[in-house]
N, C-alpha and C. Protein backbone atom coordinates (compact mmCIF):
# COMPACT_ATOMS: atom_id res chain seq x y z
N MET A 1 0.82 -1.19 0.00
CA MET A 1 0.00 0.00 0.00
C MET A 1 0.87 1.26 0.00
N LEU A 2 1.97 1.27 0.66
CA LEU A 2 2.79 2.46 0.76
C LEU A 2 3.35 2.87 -0.59
N ASN A 3 3.37 4.18 -0.82
CA ASN A 3 3.88 4.80 -2.04
C ASN A 3 3.10 4.44 -3.30
N LYS A 4 1.90 3.91 -3.15
CA LYS A 4 1.05 3.66 -4.31
C LYS A 4 0.53 5.00 -4.80
N LYS A 5 0.63 5.26 -6.10
CA LYS A 5 0.17 6.52 -6.67
C LYS A 5 -1.31 6.41 -7.03
N VAL A 6 -2.08 7.43 -6.63
CA VAL A 6 -3.51 7.44 -6.90
C VAL A 6 -3.91 8.81 -7.46
N TYR A 7 -5.05 8.83 -8.14
CA TYR A 7 -5.66 10.08 -8.61
C TYR A 7 -6.96 10.25 -7.86
N ILE A 8 -7.19 11.45 -7.35
CA ILE A 8 -8.35 11.72 -6.50
C ILE A 8 -9.07 12.96 -7.02
N ILE A 9 -10.39 12.90 -7.08
CA ILE A 9 -11.20 14.08 -7.34
C ILE A 9 -11.99 14.33 -6.07
N SER A 10 -11.75 15.49 -5.45
CA SER A 10 -12.38 15.74 -4.15
C SER A 10 -12.43 17.23 -3.85
N VAL A 11 -13.26 17.57 -2.85
CA VAL A 11 -13.41 18.95 -2.38
C VAL A 11 -12.59 19.14 -1.11
N CYS A 12 -11.81 20.21 -1.08
CA CYS A 12 -11.03 20.54 0.11
C CYS A 12 -11.98 21.03 1.20
N LEU A 13 -11.87 20.44 2.40
CA LEU A 13 -12.73 20.80 3.51
C LEU A 13 -12.07 21.75 4.50
N LYS A 14 -10.78 21.50 4.79
CA LYS A 14 -10.13 22.24 5.86
C LYS A 14 -8.63 22.33 5.62
N LYS A 15 -8.08 23.49 5.97
CA LYS A 15 -6.64 23.70 5.91
C LYS A 15 -6.10 23.73 7.34
N HIS A 16 -5.12 22.89 7.63
CA HIS A 16 -4.46 22.88 8.94
C HIS A 16 -3.24 23.79 8.87
N SER A 17 -2.78 24.26 10.00
CA SER A 17 -1.67 25.22 10.04
C SER A 17 -0.33 24.62 9.61
N ASN A 18 -0.21 23.31 9.61
CA ASN A 18 1.07 22.66 9.29
C ASN A 18 1.17 22.22 7.82
N GLY A 19 0.37 22.78 6.91
CA GLY A 19 0.44 22.44 5.50
C GLY A 19 -0.26 21.15 5.13
N VAL A 20 -1.19 20.73 5.98
CA VAL A 20 -1.97 19.51 5.73
C VAL A 20 -3.41 19.93 5.46
N TYR A 21 -4.05 19.25 4.50
CA TYR A 21 -5.41 19.59 4.09
C TYR A 21 -6.31 18.37 4.21
N ASP A 22 -7.54 18.58 4.66
CA ASP A 22 -8.55 17.52 4.71
C ASP A 22 -9.46 17.64 3.50
N PHE A 23 -9.78 16.50 2.90
CA PHE A 23 -10.65 16.44 1.73
C PHE A 23 -11.81 15.49 1.99
N HIS A 24 -12.93 15.79 1.36
CA HIS A 24 -14.13 14.94 1.46
C HIS A 24 -13.88 13.62 0.74
N PHE A 25 -14.27 12.51 1.36
CA PHE A 25 -14.19 11.21 0.71
C PHE A 25 -15.04 10.21 1.48
N ARG A 26 -15.80 9.41 0.76
CA ARG A 26 -16.57 8.32 1.35
C ARG A 26 -16.37 7.11 0.43
N GLY A 27 -15.74 6.08 0.95
CA GLY A 27 -15.54 4.90 0.13
C GLY A 27 -14.59 3.90 0.78
N TRP A 28 -13.95 3.12 -0.08
CA TRP A 28 -13.08 2.04 0.38
C TRP A 28 -11.74 2.12 -0.35
N PHE A 29 -10.68 1.73 0.34
CA PHE A 29 -9.36 1.61 -0.26
C PHE A 29 -8.71 0.35 0.27
N GLU A 30 -8.45 -0.59 -0.63
CA GLU A 30 -7.84 -1.88 -0.29
C GLU A 30 -8.54 -2.55 0.88
N GLY A 31 -9.87 -2.58 0.83
CA GLY A 31 -10.66 -3.26 1.85
C GLY A 31 -10.88 -2.49 3.14
N ARG A 32 -10.39 -1.27 3.21
CA ARG A 32 -10.56 -0.44 4.41
C ARG A 32 -11.54 0.70 4.12
N ARG A 33 -12.44 0.93 5.06
CA ARG A 33 -13.39 2.04 4.94
C ARG A 33 -12.66 3.36 5.12
N VAL A 34 -12.87 4.30 4.18
CA VAL A 34 -12.23 5.61 4.24
C VAL A 34 -13.32 6.68 4.33
N THR A 35 -13.19 7.56 5.32
CA THR A 35 -14.18 8.62 5.50
C THR A 35 -13.61 10.01 5.24
N ARG A 36 -12.28 10.10 5.08
CA ARG A 36 -11.65 11.40 4.85
C ARG A 36 -10.27 11.20 4.26
N LEU A 37 -9.83 12.16 3.45
CA LEU A 37 -8.48 12.17 2.91
C LEU A 37 -7.69 13.28 3.59
N ARG A 38 -6.45 13.01 3.88
CA ARG A 38 -5.57 14.03 4.44
C ARG A 38 -4.35 14.11 3.52
N VAL A 39 -4.17 15.27 2.89
CA VAL A 39 -3.09 15.47 1.92
C VAL A 39 -2.03 16.38 2.54
N GLN A 40 -0.79 15.91 2.51
CA GLN A 40 0.34 16.68 3.04
C GLN A 40 1.04 17.38 1.89
N GLY A 41 1.16 18.70 1.98
CA GLY A 41 1.83 19.49 0.94
C GLY A 41 0.83 20.09 -0.04
N GLY A 42 1.35 20.90 -0.94
CA GLY A 42 0.51 21.56 -1.93
C GLY A 42 -0.14 22.81 -1.37
N GLU A 43 -0.89 23.49 -2.24
CA GLU A 43 -1.64 24.69 -1.85
C GLU A 43 -3.07 24.51 -2.32
N PHE A 44 -4.00 24.44 -1.38
CA PHE A 44 -5.41 24.23 -1.69
C PHE A 44 -6.26 25.25 -0.94
N GLU A 45 -7.43 25.55 -1.48
CA GLU A 45 -8.38 26.45 -0.83
C GLU A 45 -9.61 25.66 -0.42
N PRO A 46 -10.04 25.80 0.82
CA PRO A 46 -11.26 25.12 1.25
C PRO A 46 -12.44 25.49 0.36
N CYS A 47 -13.29 24.51 0.09
CA CYS A 47 -14.51 24.64 -0.72
C CYS A 47 -14.25 24.48 -2.21
N ASP A 48 -12.99 24.41 -2.65
CA ASP A 48 -12.68 24.20 -4.06
C ASP A 48 -12.48 22.71 -4.34
N GLU A 49 -12.79 22.31 -5.57
CA GLU A 49 -12.66 20.91 -5.98
C GLU A 49 -11.38 20.75 -6.80
N TYR A 50 -10.68 19.63 -6.57
CA TYR A 50 -9.38 19.41 -7.21
C TYR A 50 -9.27 18.00 -7.78
N LEU A 51 -8.45 17.90 -8.82
CA LEU A 51 -7.95 16.61 -9.31
C LEU A 51 -6.54 16.53 -8.76
N ILE A 52 -6.28 15.52 -7.93
CA ILE A 52 -5.02 15.42 -7.20
C ILE A 52 -4.30 14.13 -7.55
N SER A 53 -3.02 14.23 -7.83
CA SER A 53 -2.14 13.08 -7.96
C SER A 53 -1.38 13.00 -6.64
N ALA A 54 -1.43 11.83 -5.99
CA ALA A 54 -0.82 11.70 -4.66
C ALA A 54 -0.26 10.31 -4.44
N LYS A 55 0.66 10.20 -3.47
CA LYS A 55 1.20 8.91 -3.03
C LYS A 55 0.57 8.58 -1.69
N ILE A 56 0.12 7.34 -1.54
CA ILE A 56 -0.46 6.89 -0.28
C ILE A 56 0.65 6.65 0.73
N LEU A 57 0.50 7.24 1.92
CA LEU A 57 1.46 7.04 2.99
C LEU A 57 0.95 6.06 4.04
N ASP A 58 -0.36 6.17 4.37
CA ASP A 58 -0.92 5.33 5.43
C ASP A 58 -2.44 5.45 5.42
N CYS A 59 -3.09 4.53 6.13
CA CYS A 59 -4.53 4.58 6.34
C CYS A 59 -4.78 4.26 7.81
N GLN A 60 -5.24 5.28 8.57
CA GLN A 60 -5.44 5.13 10.00
C GLN A 60 -6.82 5.64 10.39
N ASN A 61 -7.58 4.82 11.09
CA ASN A 61 -8.88 5.21 11.63
C ASN A 61 -9.80 5.85 10.59
N GLY A 62 -9.82 5.29 9.39
CA GLY A 62 -10.69 5.80 8.34
C GLY A 62 -10.17 7.02 7.61
N VAL A 63 -8.94 7.42 7.89
CA VAL A 63 -8.33 8.57 7.23
C VAL A 63 -7.20 8.08 6.33
N LEU A 64 -7.32 8.36 5.04
CA LEU A 64 -6.28 7.99 4.07
C LEU A 64 -5.29 9.14 4.00
N ILE A 65 -4.05 8.88 4.40
CA ILE A 65 -3.02 9.92 4.47
C ILE A 65 -2.16 9.84 3.20
N CYS A 66 -2.08 10.98 2.50
CA CYS A 66 -1.40 11.02 1.20
C CYS A 66 -0.37 12.13 1.16
N GLU A 67 0.60 11.97 0.26
CA GLU A 67 1.59 13.01 -0.01
C GLU A 67 1.29 13.62 -1.37
N TYR A 68 1.18 14.92 -1.42
CA TYR A 68 0.89 15.66 -2.65
C TYR A 68 1.98 15.44 -3.70
N VAL A 69 1.57 15.19 -4.94
CA VAL A 69 2.50 15.13 -6.07
C VAL A 69 2.18 16.26 -7.03
N LYS A 70 0.91 16.36 -7.43
CA LYS A 70 0.48 17.38 -8.39
C LYS A 70 -1.02 17.55 -8.25
N ALA A 71 -1.53 18.75 -8.54
CA ALA A 71 -2.98 18.97 -8.44
C ALA A 71 -3.42 20.08 -9.39
N LYS A 72 -4.71 20.04 -9.73
CA LYS A 72 -5.29 21.07 -10.57
C LYS A 72 -6.70 21.36 -10.06
N ALA A 73 -7.03 22.64 -9.87
CA ALA A 73 -8.38 23.02 -9.47
C ALA A 73 -9.31 22.77 -10.65
N ILE A 74 -10.45 22.11 -10.38
CA ILE A 74 -11.38 21.84 -11.46
C ILE A 74 -12.74 22.52 -11.26
N PHE A 75 -12.98 22.99 -10.04
CA PHE A 75 -14.21 23.75 -9.77
C PHE A 75 -14.01 24.60 -8.54
N ASN A 76 -14.32 25.88 -8.66
CA ASN A 76 -14.17 26.82 -7.52
C ASN A 76 -15.55 27.27 -7.07
N CYS A 77 -15.74 27.39 -5.75
CA CYS A 77 -17.01 27.87 -5.19
C CYS A 77 -17.19 29.34 -5.45
């Protein structure tokens, strides 16, 4: 699972002070229920929708933790 590259389309929900962003997600990843994405790095605005290329770092307590590779805004509020 580690360092697997994925593409995500999601809405940014929250910006943390340490450069980490929470994104909306409801689904499954490798048999684990995921309720939120946490992306480390990049520059995102809450309420905007993005196409994100990321590497999976971990999955803990329903949160899929990813490292930012590349992203593009596809819809702005």
